[in-house]
C-alpha atoms as a PDB file:
ATOM      1  CA  MET A   1     -28.472  44.659 -18.990  1.00  0.00           C
ATOM      2  CA  ASP A   2     -27.550  43.677 -22.539  1.00  0.00           C
ATOM      3  CA  TRP A   3     -28.391  39.982 -22.972  1.00  0.00           C
ATOM      4  CA  LEU A   4     -26.125  37.756 -25.264  1.00  0.00           C
ATOM      5  CA  PRO A   5     -27.544  36.895 -28.722  1.00  0.00           C
ATOM      6  CA  ASP A   6     -29.702  33.360 -28.715  1.00  0.00           C
ATOM      7  CA  PHE A   7     -27.089  31.709 -31.074  1.00  0.00           C
ATOM      8  CA  LEU A   8     -24.111  32.582 -28.518  1.00  0.00           C
ATOM      9  CA  CYS A   9     -25.909  31.390 -25.636  1.00  0.00           C
ATOM     10  CA  TYR A  10     -26.610  28.156 -27.380  1.00  0.00           C
ATOM     11  CA  ILE A  11     -23.081  27.637 -28.114  1.00  0.00           C
ATOM     12  CA  ILE A  12     -22.097  28.395 -24.530  1.00  0.00           C
ATOM     13  CA  LEU A  13     -24.168  25.930 -23.529  1.00  0.00           C
ATOM     14  CA  VAL A  14     -23.490  23.166 -25.693  1.00  0.00           C
ATOM     15  CA  VAL A  15     -19.559  23.490 -25.029  1.00  0.00           C
ATOM     16  CA  LEU A  16     -20.280  23.666 -21.143  1.00  0.00           C
ATOM     17  CA  LEU A  17     -22.409  20.564 -21.209  1.00  0.00           C
ATOM     18  CA  ALA A  18     -19.595  18.868 -23.397  1.00  0.00           C
ATOM     19  CA  HIS A  19     -16.909  19.597 -20.789  1.00  0.00           C
ATOM     20  CA  ASN A  20     -19.138  18.683 -17.987  1.00  0.00           C
ATOM     21  CA  ILE A  21     -19.749  15.372 -19.235  1.00  0.00           C
ATOM     22  CA  ALA A  22     -16.502  14.584 -20.594  1.00  0.00           C
ATOM     23  CA  SER A  23     -15.226  15.388 -17.313  1.00  0.00           C
ATOM     24  CA  GLY A  24     -17.205  12.807 -15.349  1.00  0.00           C
ATOM     25  CA  ALA A  25     -19.113  12.672 -12.727  1.00  0.00           C
ATOM     26  CA  GLN A  26     -16.203  12.696 -10.172  1.00  0.00           C
ATOM     27  CA  ALA A  27     -14.605  15.677 -11.651  1.00  0.00           C
ATOM     28  CA  GLU A  28     -11.628  17.016  -9.720  1.00  0.00           C
ATOM     29  CA  TYR A  29     -12.988  20.634  -9.540  1.00  0.00           C
ATOM     30  CA  SER A  30     -14.871  19.159  -6.406  1.00  0.00           C
ATOM     31  CA  ASP A  31     -11.930  18.215  -4.400  1.00  0.00           C
ATOM     32  CA  HIS A  32     -11.569  21.357  -2.717  1.00  0.00           C
ATOM     33  CA  GLN A  33     -15.000  21.733  -1.295  1.00  0.00           C
ATOM     34  CA  ALA A  34     -14.561  22.110   2.451  1.00  0.00           C
ATOM     35  CA  LYS A  35     -17.529  21.888   4.782  1.00  0.00           C
ATOM     36  CA  PRO A  36     -19.266  25.312   4.946  1.00  0.00           C
ATOM     37  CA  GLY A  37     -17.870  27.695   7.588  1.00  0.00           C
ATOM     38  CA  CYS A  38     -14.760  25.559   7.942  1.00  0.00           C
ATOM     39  CA  ASN A  39     -11.196  26.460   7.267  1.00  0.00           C
ATOM     40  CA  SER A  40     -10.278  25.034   3.857  1.00  0.00           C
ATOM     41  CA  THR A  41      -6.515  25.398   3.783  1.00  0.00           C
ATOM     42  CA  CYS A  42      -3.283  25.027   5.788  1.00  0.00           C
ATOM     43  CA  GLY A  43      -0.287  26.220   4.186  1.00  0.00           C
ATOM     44  CA  ASN A  44      -0.282  25.279   0.451  1.00  0.00           C
ATOM     45  CA  LEU A  45      -2.695  22.227   1.180  1.00  0.00           C
ATOM     46  CA  THR A  46      -6.113  22.463   0.324  1.00  0.00           C
ATOM     47  CA  ILE A  47      -8.372  20.205   2.343  1.00  0.00           C
ATOM     48  CA  PRO A  48     -11.957  18.818   1.183  1.00  0.00           C
ATOM     49  CA  TYR A  49     -14.518  17.573   3.529  1.00  0.00           C
ATOM     50  CA  PRO A  50     -14.271  14.517   5.214  1.00  0.00           C
ATOM     51  CA  PHE A  51     -11.066  16.011   6.209  1.00  0.00           C
ATOM     52  CA  GLY A  52     -10.712  19.288   8.032  1.00  0.00           C
ATOM     53  CA  VAL A  53      -8.692  21.099  10.497  1.00  0.00           C
ATOM     54  CA  GLU A  54     -11.027  22.116  13.318  1.00  0.00           C
ATOM     55  CA  GLU A  55     -13.391  20.463  15.671  1.00  0.00           C
ATOM     56  CA  LYS A  56     -17.066  19.685  13.894  1.00  0.00           C
ATOM     57  CA  CYS A  57     -15.131  20.072  10.261  1.00  0.00           C
ATOM     58  CA  TYR A  58     -14.339  16.712   9.520  1.00  0.00           C
ATOM     59  CA  LEU A  59     -15.979  13.420   9.524  1.00  0.00           C
ATOM     60  CA  ASP A  60     -14.258  11.939  12.352  1.00  0.00           C
ATOM     61  CA  GLU A  61     -10.809  11.956  14.273  1.00  0.00           C
ATOM     62  CA  GLU A  62      -9.180  10.090  11.555  1.00  0.00           C
ATOM     63  CA  PHE A  63      -9.747  12.527   9.369  1.00  0.00           C
ATOM     64  CA  LEU A  64      -8.236  15.380  11.300  1.00  0.00           C
ATOM     65  CA  ILE A  65      -5.556  17.253   9.734  1.00  0.00           C
ATOM     66  CA  THR A  66      -3.485  19.114  12.040  1.00  0.00           C
ATOM     67  CA  CYS A  67      -1.888  22.476  11.309  1.00  0.00           C
ATOM     68  CA  ASN A  68       1.580  22.966  12.505  1.00  0.00           C
ATOM     69  CA  TYR A  69       1.720  26.771  12.477  1.00  0.00           C
ATOM     70  CA  SER A  70       5.427  26.919  13.703  1.00  0.00           C
ATOM     71  CA  TYR A  71       6.468  26.102  10.147  1.00  0.00           C
ATOM     72  CA  ASP A  72       6.546  28.664   7.498  1.00  0.00           C
ATOM     73  CA  PRO A  73       4.566  28.682   5.799  1.00  0.00           C
ATOM     74  CA  PRO A  74       2.404  26.122   8.186  1.00  0.00           C
ATOM     75  CA  GLN A  75       2.370  22.553   7.684  1.00  0.00           C
ATOM     76  CA  PRO A  76      -0.304  19.985   7.637  1.00  0.00           C
ATOM     77  CA  PHE A  77      -0.023  16.695   9.290  1.00  0.00           C
ATOM     78  CA  LEU A  78      -2.299  13.490   9.661  1.00  0.00           C
ATOM     79  CA  MET A  79      -4.411  13.556  12.506  1.00  0.00           C
ATOM     80  CA  ASN A  80      -2.094  14.299  15.659  1.00  0.00           C
ATOM     81  CA  SER A  81       1.138  13.229  14.250  1.00  0.00           C
ATOM     82  CA  THR A  82       4.414  15.291  14.173  1.00  0.00           C
ATOM     83  CA  SER A  83       5.819  13.364  11.336  1.00  0.00           C
ATOM     84  CA  VAL A  84       3.419  12.258   8.913  1.00  0.00           C
ATOM     85  CA  MET A  85       3.407  15.306   6.803  1.00  0.00           C
ATOM     86  CA  VAL A  86       0.185  15.924   4.142  1.00  0.00           C
ATOM     87  CA  THR A  87       1.150  17.531   0.767  1.00  0.00           C
ATOM     88  CA  ASN A  88      -2.224  16.359  -1.426  1.00  0.00           C
ATOM     89  CA  ILE A  89      -5.477  15.110  -0.449  1.00  0.00           C
ATOM     90  CA  SER A  90      -8.116  14.081  -3.281  1.00  0.00           C
ATOM     91  CA  ILE A  91     -11.669  13.212  -2.877  1.00  0.00           C
ATOM     92  CA  LEU A  92     -11.732  10.391  -5.337  1.00  0.00           C
ATOM     93  CA  GLY A  93      -9.587   8.286  -2.155  1.00  0.00           C
ATOM     94  CA  ASP A  94      -5.524   8.923  -1.958  1.00  0.00           C
ATOM     95  CA  LEU A  95      -3.439  11.350   0.206  1.00  0.00           C
ATOM     96  CA  THR A  96      -0.112  11.879  -0.152  1.00  0.00           C
ATOM     97  CA  ILE A  97       2.479  12.077   2.520  1.00  0.00           C
ATOM     98  CA  ASN A  98       6.134  12.971   2.763  1.00  0.00           C
ATOM     99  CA  GLN A  99       7.841  10.304   4.819  1.00  0.00           C
ATOM    100  CA  LEU A 100      11.149  10.561   6.325  1.00  0.00           C
ATOM    101  CA  ILE A 101      13.394   7.582   4.688  1.00  0.00           C
ATOM    102  CA  ALA A 102      15.826   5.193   6.802  1.00  0.00           C
ATOM    103  CA  GLN A 103      19.492   5.419   6.129  1.00  0.00           C
ATOM    104  CA  GLU A 104      22.715   3.667   7.451  1.00  0.00           C
ATOM    105  CA  CYS A 105      25.933   5.416   6.931  1.00  0.00           C
ATOM    106  CA  TYR A 106      29.418   4.266   7.710  1.00  0.00           C
ATOM    107  CA  TYR A 107      32.731   6.292   7.650  1.00  0.00           C
ATOM    108  CA  PRO A 108      36.346   5.621   6.950  1.00  0.00           C
ATOM    109  CA  PRO A 109      39.289   5.531   9.166  1.00  0.00           C
ATOM    110  CA  ALA A 110      40.674   8.903  10.361  1.00  0.00           C
ATOM    111  CA  HIS A 111      43.986   8.502   8.523  1.00  0.00           C
ATOM    112  CA  VAL A 112      42.161   8.044   5.320  1.00  0.00           C
ATOM    113  CA  PHE A 113      39.710  11.349   5.609  1.00  0.00           C
ATOM    114  CA  GLY A 114      40.654  13.166   8.445  1.00  0.00           C
ATOM    115  CA  PRO A 115      39.138  12.947  12.046  1.00  0.00           C
ATOM    116  CA  MET A 116      35.284  12.238  10.998  1.00  0.00           C
ATOM    117  CA  ALA A 117      34.851   9.101  12.921  1.00  0.00           C
ATOM    118  CA  SER A 118      36.245   5.896  13.938  1.00  0.00           C
ATOM    119  CA  PRO A 119      37.161   3.217  11.647  1.00  0.00           C
ATOM    120  CA  GLY A 120      33.868   1.378  10.402  1.00  0.00           C
ATOM    121  CA  SER A 121      31.506   3.177  12.840  1.00  0.00           C
ATOM    122  CA  ASN A 122      28.075   4.372  11.783  1.00  0.00           C
ATOM    123  CA  LYS A 123      26.930   7.582  12.272  1.00  0.00           C
ATOM    124  CA  GLY A 124      23.387   9.753  12.031  1.00  0.00           C
ATOM    125  CA  ASP A 125      21.684   6.452  11.132  1.00  0.00           C
ATOM    126  CA  THR A 126      17.772   6.410  11.137  1.00  0.00           C
ATOM    127  CA  TRP A 127      14.854   4.038  10.431  1.00  0.00           C
ATOM    128  CA  SER A 128      11.263   5.205   9.336  1.00  0.00           C
ATOM    129  CA  SER A 129       8.114   3.772  10.586  1.00  0.00           C
ATOM    130  CA  LEU A 130       4.380   4.687   9.838  1.00  0.00           C
ATOM    131  CA  ASP A 131       1.345   3.521  11.920  1.00  0.00           C
ATOM    132  CA  LEU A 132      -2.069   4.272  10.065  1.00  0.00           C
ATOM    133  CA  VAL A 133      -5.412   3.727  11.297  1.00  0.00           C
ATOM    134  CA  SER A 134      -7.878   1.229   9.826  1.00  0.00           C
ATOM    135  CA  LYS A 135      -9.098   3.593   7.360  1.00  0.00           C
ATOM    136  CA  PHE A 136      -5.833   4.168   5.609  1.00  0.00           C
ATOM    137  CA  THR A 137      -3.247   1.969   3.963  1.00  0.00           C
ATOM    138  CA  VAL A 138      -0.091   2.223   1.874  1.00  0.00           C
ATOM    139  CA  SER A 139      -1.375   1.811  -1.917  1.00  0.00           C
ATOM    140  CA  GLU A 140       0.183  -1.112  -3.239  1.00  0.00           C
ATOM    141  CA  SER A 141      -0.347   0.119  -6.941  1.00  0.00           C
ATOM    142  CA  ARG A 142       1.184   3.683  -6.214  1.00  0.00           C
ATOM    143  CA  ASN A 143       4.410   3.178  -4.511  1.00  0.00           C
ATOM    144  CA  LYS A 144       7.529   1.147  -4.403  1.00  0.00           C
ATOM    145  CA  PHE A 145       9.667  -0.051  -1.915  1.00  0.00           C
ATOM    146  CA  THR A 146      13.216   1.054  -2.623  1.00  0.00           C
ATOM    147  CA  VAL A 147      16.947   0.399  -1.639  1.00  0.00           C
ATOM    148  CA  VAL A 148      19.755   2.590  -2.668  1.00  0.00           C
ATOM    149  CA  GLY A 149      23.653   2.019  -2.079  1.00  0.00           C
ATOM    150  CA  CYS A 150      26.303  -0.701  -2.936  1.00  0.00           C
ATOM    151  CA  ASP A 151      27.130  -3.168  -0.194  1.00  0.00           C
ATOM    152  CA  SER A 152      23.501  -2.633   1.036  1.00  0.00           C
ATOM    153  CA  GLN A 153      20.330  -4.092   2.017  1.00  0.00           C
ATOM    154  CA  GLY A 154      17.147  -2.634   3.020  1.00  0.00           C
ATOM    155  CA  PHE A 155      13.897  -4.243   5.104  1.00  0.00           C
ATOM    156  CA  ILE A 156      10.391  -3.460   5.264  1.00  0.00           C
ATOM    157  CA  GLY A 157       8.313  -5.031   7.981  1.00  0.00           C
ATOM    158  CA  GLY A 158       4.886  -4.185   9.649  1.00  0.00           C
ATOM    159  CA  SER A 159       1.444  -5.589   9.529  1.00  0.00           C
ATOM    160  CA  ARG A 160      -1.168  -5.980   6.629  1.00  0.00           C
ATOM    161  CA  LEU A 161      -4.972  -6.297   6.434  1.00  0.00           C
ATOM    162  CA  ASN A 162      -6.168  -9.614   5.154  1.00  0.00           C
ATOM    163  CA  SER A 163      -9.745 -10.785   3.197  1.00  0.00           C
ATOM    164  CA  SER A 164     -11.362 -10.636   6.942  1.00  0.00           C
ATOM    165  CA  GLY A 165      -9.798  -6.955   8.038  1.00  0.00           C
ATOM    166  CA  LEU A 166      -7.586  -8.528  10.277  1.00  0.00           C
ATOM    167  CA  GLU A 167      -3.958  -7.677  10.791  1.00  0.00           C
ATOM    168  CA  ASN A 168      -0.999 -10.118   9.682  1.00  0.00           C
ATOM    169  CA  ASP A 169       2.613  -9.713   9.876  1.00  0.00           C
ATOM    170  CA  TYR A 170       4.705  -8.916   6.996  1.00  0.00           C
ATOM    171  CA  SER A 171       8.217  -8.498   6.170  1.00  0.00           C
ATOM    172  CA  SER A 172      10.334  -8.326   2.900  1.00  0.00           C
ATOM    173  CA  GLY A 173      13.481  -6.469   1.744  1.00  0.00           C
ATOM    174  CA  CYS A 174      15.976  -6.179  -1.237  1.00  0.00           C
ATOM    175  CA  MET A 175      19.650  -5.871  -1.577  1.00  0.00           C
ATOM    176  CA  SER A 176      22.030  -3.713  -3.940  1.00  0.00           C
ATOM    177  CA  VAL A 177      25.388  -4.623  -4.558  1.00  0.00           C
ATOM    178  CA  CYS A 178      28.139  -2.830  -6.626  1.00  0.00           C
ATOM    179  CA  ASP A 179      31.990  -3.498  -6.571  1.00  0.00           C
ATOM    180  CA  TYR A 180      33.243  -0.213  -7.914  1.00  0.00           C
ATOM    181  CA  LYS A 181      31.342   2.970  -9.598  1.00  0.00           C
ATOM    182  CA  GLY A 182      31.864   1.895 -12.830  1.00  0.00           C
ATOM    183  CA  SER A 183      29.932  -1.397 -12.098  1.00  0.00           C
ATOM    184  CA  LEU A 184      26.321   0.178 -10.864  1.00  0.00           C
ATOM    185  CA  ASP A 185      23.503   0.678 -13.237  1.00  0.00           C
ATOM    186  CA  ALA A 186      23.446   4.334 -12.785  1.00  0.00           C
ATOM    187  CA  THR A 187      19.677   4.949 -14.054  1.00  0.00           C
ATOM    188  CA  SER A 188      17.659   2.173 -12.907  1.00  0.00           C
ATOM    189  CA  CYS A 189      16.690   0.286  -9.833  1.00  0.00           C
ATOM    190  CA  THR A 190      17.901  -3.212 -11.231  1.00  0.00           C
ATOM    191  CA  GLY A 191      19.816  -4.308  -7.871  1.00  0.00           C
ATOM    192  CA  SER A 192      23.163  -2.445  -8.722  1.00  0.00           C
ATOM    193  CA  GLY A 193      23.046   0.934  -6.908  1.00  0.00           C
ATOM    194  CA  CYS A 194      19.507   0.561  -6.431  1.00  0.00           C
ATOM    195  CA  CYS A 195      16.529  -2.414  -6.188  1.00  0.00           C
ATOM    196  CA  GLN A 196      12.708  -1.960  -5.947  1.00  0.00           C
ATOM    197  CA  LEU A 197      10.044  -4.240  -4.527  1.00  0.00           C
ATOM    198  CA  GLU A 198       6.224  -3.956  -5.237  1.00  0.00           C
ATOM    199  CA  ILE A 199       3.921  -3.145  -2.008  1.00  0.00           C
ATOM    200  CA  PRO A 200       1.694  -5.815  -1.014  1.00  0.00           C
ATOM    201  CA  PRO A 201      -1.921  -4.580  -0.450  1.00  0.00           C
ATOM    202  CA  GLY A 202      -3.474  -3.682   3.003  1.00  0.00           C
ATOM    203  CA  LEU A 203      -0.323  -2.350   4.963  1.00  0.00           C
ATOM    204  CA  VAL A 204      -1.360  -0.451   7.900  1.00  0.00           C
ATOM    205  CA  PHE A 205       2.141  -0.414   9.794  1.00  0.00           C
ATOM    206  CA  THR A 206       5.751  -0.324   8.328  1.00  0.00           C
ATOM    207  CA  ASN A 207       9.133  -0.208   9.738  1.00  0.00           C
ATOM    208  CA  VAL A 208      11.666   0.262   7.398  1.00  0.00           C
ATOM    209  CA  THR A 209      15.478  -0.209   8.051  1.00  0.00           C
ATOM    210  CA  ALA A 210      18.845   0.144   6.031  1.00  0.00           C
ATOM    211  CA  SER A 211      21.946  -1.823   6.802  1.00  0.00           C
ATOM    212  CA  SER A 212      25.644  -2.874   5.006  1.00  0.00           C
ATOM    213  CA  PHE A 213      26.873  -6.400   4.594  1.00  0.00           C
ATOM    214  CA  ASN A 214      30.437  -5.126   5.233  1.00  0.00           C
ATOM    215  CA  ASN A 215      30.072  -1.578   6.673  1.00  0.00           C
ATOM    216  CA  HIS A 216      30.451  -0.044   3.279  1.00  0.00           C
ATOM    217  CA  VAL A 217      34.655  -0.756   3.629  1.00  0.00           C
ATOM    218  CA  TYR A 218      34.951  -1.551  -0.017  1.00  0.00           C
ATOM    219  CA  VAL A 219      32.864   1.350  -1.507  1.00  0.00           C
ATOM    220  CA  TRP A 220      33.533   4.298   1.076  1.00  0.00           C
ATOM    221  CA  ASP A 221      34.631   6.544  -1.657  1.00  0.00           C
ATOM    222  CA  PHE A 222      31.326   6.674  -3.670  1.00  0.00           C
ATOM    223  CA  SER A 223      28.716   4.918  -1.667  1.00  0.00           C
ATOM    224  CA  PRO A 224      28.853   5.405   2.225  1.00  0.00           C
ATOM    225  CA  CYS A 225      25.550   4.740   2.887  1.00  0.00           C
ATOM    226  CA  THR A 226      22.291   2.549   2.419  1.00  0.00           C
ATOM    227  CA  PHE A 227      18.833   4.224   1.917  1.00  0.00           C
ATOM    228  CA  ALA A 228      15.669   2.499   2.434  1.00  0.00           C
ATOM    229  CA  PHE A 229      12.419   3.902   1.945  1.00  0.00           C
ATOM    230  CA  ILE A 230       8.814   3.552   0.534  1.00  0.00           C
ATOM    231  CA  VAL A 231       8.223   6.029  -2.367  1.00  0.00           C
ATOM    232  CA  GLU A 232       5.599   6.897  -5.067  1.00  0.00           C
ATOM    233  CA  ASP A 233       5.874   4.766  -8.097  1.00  0.00           C
ATOM    234  CA  GLY A 234       7.611   7.888 -10.618  1.00  0.00           C
ATOM    235  CA  GLY A 235       8.537  10.046  -7.544  1.00  0.00           C
ATOM    236  CA  PHE A 236      12.114   8.578  -7.615  1.00  0.00           C
ATOM    237  CA  ASN A 237      14.424   8.227 -10.694  1.00  0.00           C
ATOM    238  CA  PHE A 238      17.664   6.713  -9.520  1.00  0.00           C
ATOM    239  CA  ASN A 239      20.968   8.309 -10.719  1.00  0.00           C
ATOM    240  CA  SER A 240      24.312   7.671  -9.087  1.00  0.00           C
ATOM    241  CA  SER A 241      23.898  10.757  -7.423  1.00  0.00           C
ATOM    242  CA  TYR A 242      21.772   9.390  -4.997  1.00  0.00           C
ATOM    243  CA  LEU A 243      24.667   7.291  -3.233  1.00  0.00           C
ATOM    244  CA  ASP A 244      25.899  10.912  -1.970  1.00  0.00           C
ATOM    245  CA  PRO A 245      24.155  11.514   1.383  1.00  0.00           C
ATOM    246  CA  ASN A 246      24.377  15.027   0.787  1.00  0.00           C
ATOM    247  CA  TYR A 247      22.118  14.860  -2.419  1.00  0.00           C
ATOM    248  CA  MET A 248      19.670  12.101  -0.930  1.00  0.00           C
ATOM    249  CA  PRO A 249      16.720  14.182   0.655  1.00  0.00           C
ATOM    250  CA  GLU A 250      15.205  13.399   4.488  1.00  0.00           C
ATOM    251  CA  ARG A 251      11.861  12.655   2.949  1.00  0.00           C
ATOM    252  CA  MET A 252       9.914  10.675  -0.025  1.00  0.00           C
ATOM    253  CA  PRO A 253       6.513  11.039  -1.454  1.00  0.00           C
ATOM    254  CA  VAL A 254       4.005   8.177  -0.368  1.00  0.00           C
ATOM    255  CA  VAL A 255       0.632   7.612  -1.370  1.00  0.00           C
ATOM    256  CA  LEU A 256      -2.014   6.608   0.817  1.00  0.00           C
ATOM    257  CA  GLU A 257      -5.764   5.486   0.195  1.00  0.00           C
ATOM    258  CA  TRP A 258      -8.572   6.087   2.675  1.00  0.00           C
ATOM    259  CA  THR A 259     -11.980   4.944   2.920  1.00  0.00           C
ATOM    260  CA  VAL A 260     -14.796   6.511   5.173  1.00  0.00           C
ATOM    261  CA  ALA A 261     -16.368   2.909   6.218  1.00  0.00           C
ATOM    262  CA  THR A 262     -15.571  -0.700   6.302  1.00  0.00           C
ATOM    263  CA  GLU A 263     -19.340  -1.964   5.881  1.00  0.00           C
ATOM    264  CA  THR A 264     -21.596  -0.846   3.101  1.00  0.00           C
ATOM    265  CA  SER A 265     -24.272  -0.207   5.604  1.00  0.00           C
ATOM    266  CA  SER A 266     -22.046   2.478   7.426  1.00  0.00           C
ATOM    267  CA  SER A 267     -21.169   4.145   4.336  1.00  0.00           C
ATOM    268  CA  THR A 268     -24.388   4.831   2.969  1.00  0.00           C
ATOM    269  CA  ILE A 269     -25.081   7.131   6.066  1.00  0.00           C
ATOM    270  CA  VAL A 270     -21.783   9.098   4.972  1.00  0.00           C
ATOM    271  CA  CYS A 271     -22.781   9.335   1.430  1.00  0.00           C
ATOM    272  CA  LYS A 272     -25.219  12.295   0.851  1.00  0.00           C
ATOM    273  CA  GLY A 273     -27.876  13.330  -1.492  1.00  0.00           C
ATOM    274  CA  ASN A 274     -27.419  11.796  -5.191  1.00  0.00           C
ATOM    275  CA  ALA A 275     -24.106   9.767  -3.985  1.00  0.00           C
ATOM    276  CA  THR A 276     -23.696   6.006  -3.667  1.00  0.00           C
ATOM    277  CA  SER A 277     -21.262   3.833  -1.804  1.00  0.00           C
ATOM    278  CA  TYR A 278     -18.800   1.565  -3.415  1.00  0.00           C
ATOM    279  CA  GLN A 279     -16.010  -1.146  -2.464  1.00  0.00           C
ATOM    280  CA  THR A 280     -12.459  -0.091  -3.236  1.00  0.00           C
ATOM    281  CA  ASN A 281     -10.484  -2.012  -5.564  1.00  0.00           C
ATOM    282  CA  ASN A 282      -8.494  -3.531  -2.711  1.00  0.00           C
ATOM    283  CA  LYS A 283     -11.743  -4.820  -0.756  1.00  0.00           C
ATOM    284  CA  PHE A 284     -10.726  -3.034   2.430  1.00  0.00           C
ATOM    285  CA  GLY A 285     -13.374  -0.518   2.967  1.00  0.00           C
ATOM    286  CA  TYR A 286     -15.948   1.922   0.979  1.00  0.00           C
ATOM    287  CA  ARG A 287     -15.872   5.091  -0.458  1.00  0.00           C
ATOM    288  CA  CYS A 288     -18.679   7.528  -1.577  1.00  0.00           C
ATOM    289  CA  LYS A 289     -19.044   9.077  -5.446  1.00  0.00           C
ATOM    290  CA  CYS A 290     -21.885  10.962  -7.184  1.00  0.00           C
ATOM    291  CA  LYS A 291     -24.196   9.168  -9.235  1.00  0.00           C
ATOM    292  CA  GLU A 292     -24.000   9.072 -12.885  1.00  0.00           C
ATOM    293  CA  GLY A 293     -24.455  12.678 -14.214  1.00  0.00           C
ATOM    294  CA  TYR A 294     -23.738  14.485 -11.229  1.00  0.00           C
ATOM    295  CA  GLN A 295     -20.749  16.197 -10.134  1.00  0.00           C
ATOM    296  CA  GLY A 296     -19.670  17.615  -6.642  1.00  0.00           C
ATOM    297  CA  ASN A 297     -18.571  16.459  -3.202  1.00  0.00           C
ATOM    298  CA  PRO A 298     -20.508  13.549  -2.384  1.00  0.00           C
ATOM    299  CA  TYR A 299     -19.840  13.385   1.484  1.00  0.00           C
ATOM    300  CA  LEU A 300     -21.457  16.960   1.537  1.00  0.00           C
ATOM    301  CA  PRO A 301     -25.085  17.690   1.312  1.00  0.00           C
ATOM    302  CA  TYR A 302     -26.773  19.045  -1.893  1.00  0.00           C
ATOM    303  CA  LEU A 303     -26.780  22.873  -0.962  1.00  0.00           C
ATOM    304  CA  GLN A 304     -23.301  22.702   0.658  1.00  0.00           C
ATOM    305  CA  GLY A 305     -21.750  21.841  -2.132  1.00  0.00           C
ATOM    306  CA  GLY A 306     -22.650  18.100  -2.534  1.00  0.00           C
ATOM    307  CA  CYS A 307     -23.326  15.993  -5.728  1.00  0.00           C
ATOM    308  CA  GLN A 308     -25.258  18.287  -8.351  1.00  0.00           C
ATOM    309  CA  ALA A 309     -26.742  17.464 -11.709  1.00  0.00           C
ATOM    310  CA  ILE A 310     -24.238  18.453 -14.847  1.00  0.00           C
ATOM    311  CA  TYR A 311     -27.008  19.924 -16.627  1.00  0.00           C
ATOM    312  CA  ALA A 312     -27.994  22.405 -13.970  1.00  0.00           C
ATOM    313  CA  LEU A 313     -24.421  23.367 -13.288  1.00  0.00           C
ATOM    314  CA  ALA A 314     -24.081  24.245 -17.080  1.00  0.00           C
ATOM    315  CA  LEU A 315     -27.173  26.070 -17.040  1.00  0.00           C
ATOM    316  CA  ARG A 316     -26.211  28.485 -13.952  1.00  0.00           C
ATOM    317  CA  ALA A 317     -22.914  28.789 -15.618  1.00  0.00           C
ATOM    318  CA  THR A 318     -24.220  29.838 -18.886  1.00  0.00           C
ATOM    319  CA  MET A 319     -26.814  32.227 -17.337  1.00  0.00           C
ATOM    320  CA  GLY A 320     -23.909  33.944 -15.117  1.00  0.00           C
ATOM    321  CA  MET A 321     -22.140  34.878 -18.694  1.00  0.00           C
ATOM    322  CA  GLY A 322     -24.797  36.728 -19.675  1.00  0.00           C
ATOM    323  CA  CYS A 323     -27.394  35.099 -21.370  1.00  0.00           C
ATOM    324  CA  GLU A 324     -31.077  35.668 -20.146  1.00  0.00           C
ATOM    325  CA  MET A 325     -32.630  33.199 -18.037  1.00  0.00           C
ATOM    326  CA  GLU A 326     -35.969  32.178 -20.026  1.00  0.00           C
ATOM    327  CA  ARG A 327     -34.057  31.998 -23.276  1.00  0.00           C
ATOM    328  CA  VAL A 328     -31.323  29.962 -21.562  1.00  0.00           C
ATOM    329  CA  ALA A 329     -33.775  27.440 -20.401  1.00  0.00           C
ATOM    330  CA  ASN A 330     -35.679  27.033 -23.446  1.00  0.00           C
ATOM    331  CA  GLN A 331     -32.333  26.175 -25.001  1.00  0.00           C
ATOM    332  CA  PHE A 332     -31.541  23.866 -21.953  1.00  0.00           C
ATOM    333  CA  LYS A 333     -34.781  22.141 -22.937  1.00  0.00           C
ATOM    334  CA  ARG A 334     -33.891  21.551 -26.569  1.00  0.00           C
ATOM    335  CA  ILE A 335     -30.692  20.255 -25.869  1.00  0.00           C
ATOM    336  CA  LYS A 336     -31.786  17.907 -23.328  1.00  0.00           C
ATOM    337  CA  TYR A 337     -34.720  16.565 -25.671  1.00  0.00           C
ATOM    338  CA  HIS A 338     -32.043  15.937 -28.406  1.00  0.00           C
ATOM    339  CA  PHE A 339     -29.311  14.467 -26.311  1.00  0.00           C
ATOM    340  CA  SER A 340     -32.150  12.020 -24.599  1.00  0.00           C
ATOM    341  CA  ARG A 341     -33.038  10.934 -28.419  1.00  0.00           C
ATOM    342  CA  SER A 342     -29.536  10.390 -29.212  1.00  0.00           C
ATOM    343  CA  ARG A 343     -28.889   7.949 -26.215  1.00  0.00           C
END
């Protein structure tokens, strides 16, 4: 085999080290690391450990992903749910789902628009609920509660964790009113056509309902429905087209936060070699992360894709590009020496 020149190996090693260090100890490249021997995908979703789709492939049943093969492509759902559809999982502690929205629609008299429904009757109304286990909460920093429509109000109720880990009742809501189409704010959620609320921390159960003040009788021609939903911040940008029930999607993206333990003593058992536990910002649990200078999946052992030294990762990658082992090792020692002196 023809080895690459020393100076080229030196440059490659320096670039890889700089990239790995800049990426940080929790680089996203490790997000897709499943437990060895386990299926790591369901449809378009890549599933990292502690999650898994098969027995002995997840940390516990709260991290089970049910892969429903009746869809094409197959669709992943959280635990044994048939409605909480998962679209993304990050090893950094968040999970995105597509959640059904709540709606209430009223239709005009038959003599105005034909035989659709009787005057002032509602049709196709739905509500939206989300019941999570203790290791999952609705992210307060990544979501908004949103209501769309004129002559509309929406409510969100449920329960949230307090600082002691106990559940307290919660309820809130907002209203959106506009008299005619020209009076609504067509591009923002400021209360005319659309309103939004912040999400409180610790939500583990939600029930979202939509309603109308006057059965939409004065705004039938352009706003026959009220829609209410939790949605990822930035995942919904209001415009007047969303007043049309044929334009509004059935589901919206919602970000959940997950933890692996409620106590630090339990989390230290879950965190594997070269990893440490830390309390989340909302104080509702603990996660694992690689120690400084390491990258990988902190929930897996070292030899199974767990936390590995950044220097070692760069060294292996350099040798894989055609650099002779002894020469690369010498270059590695030289760079490590200069790096340690510069700190």
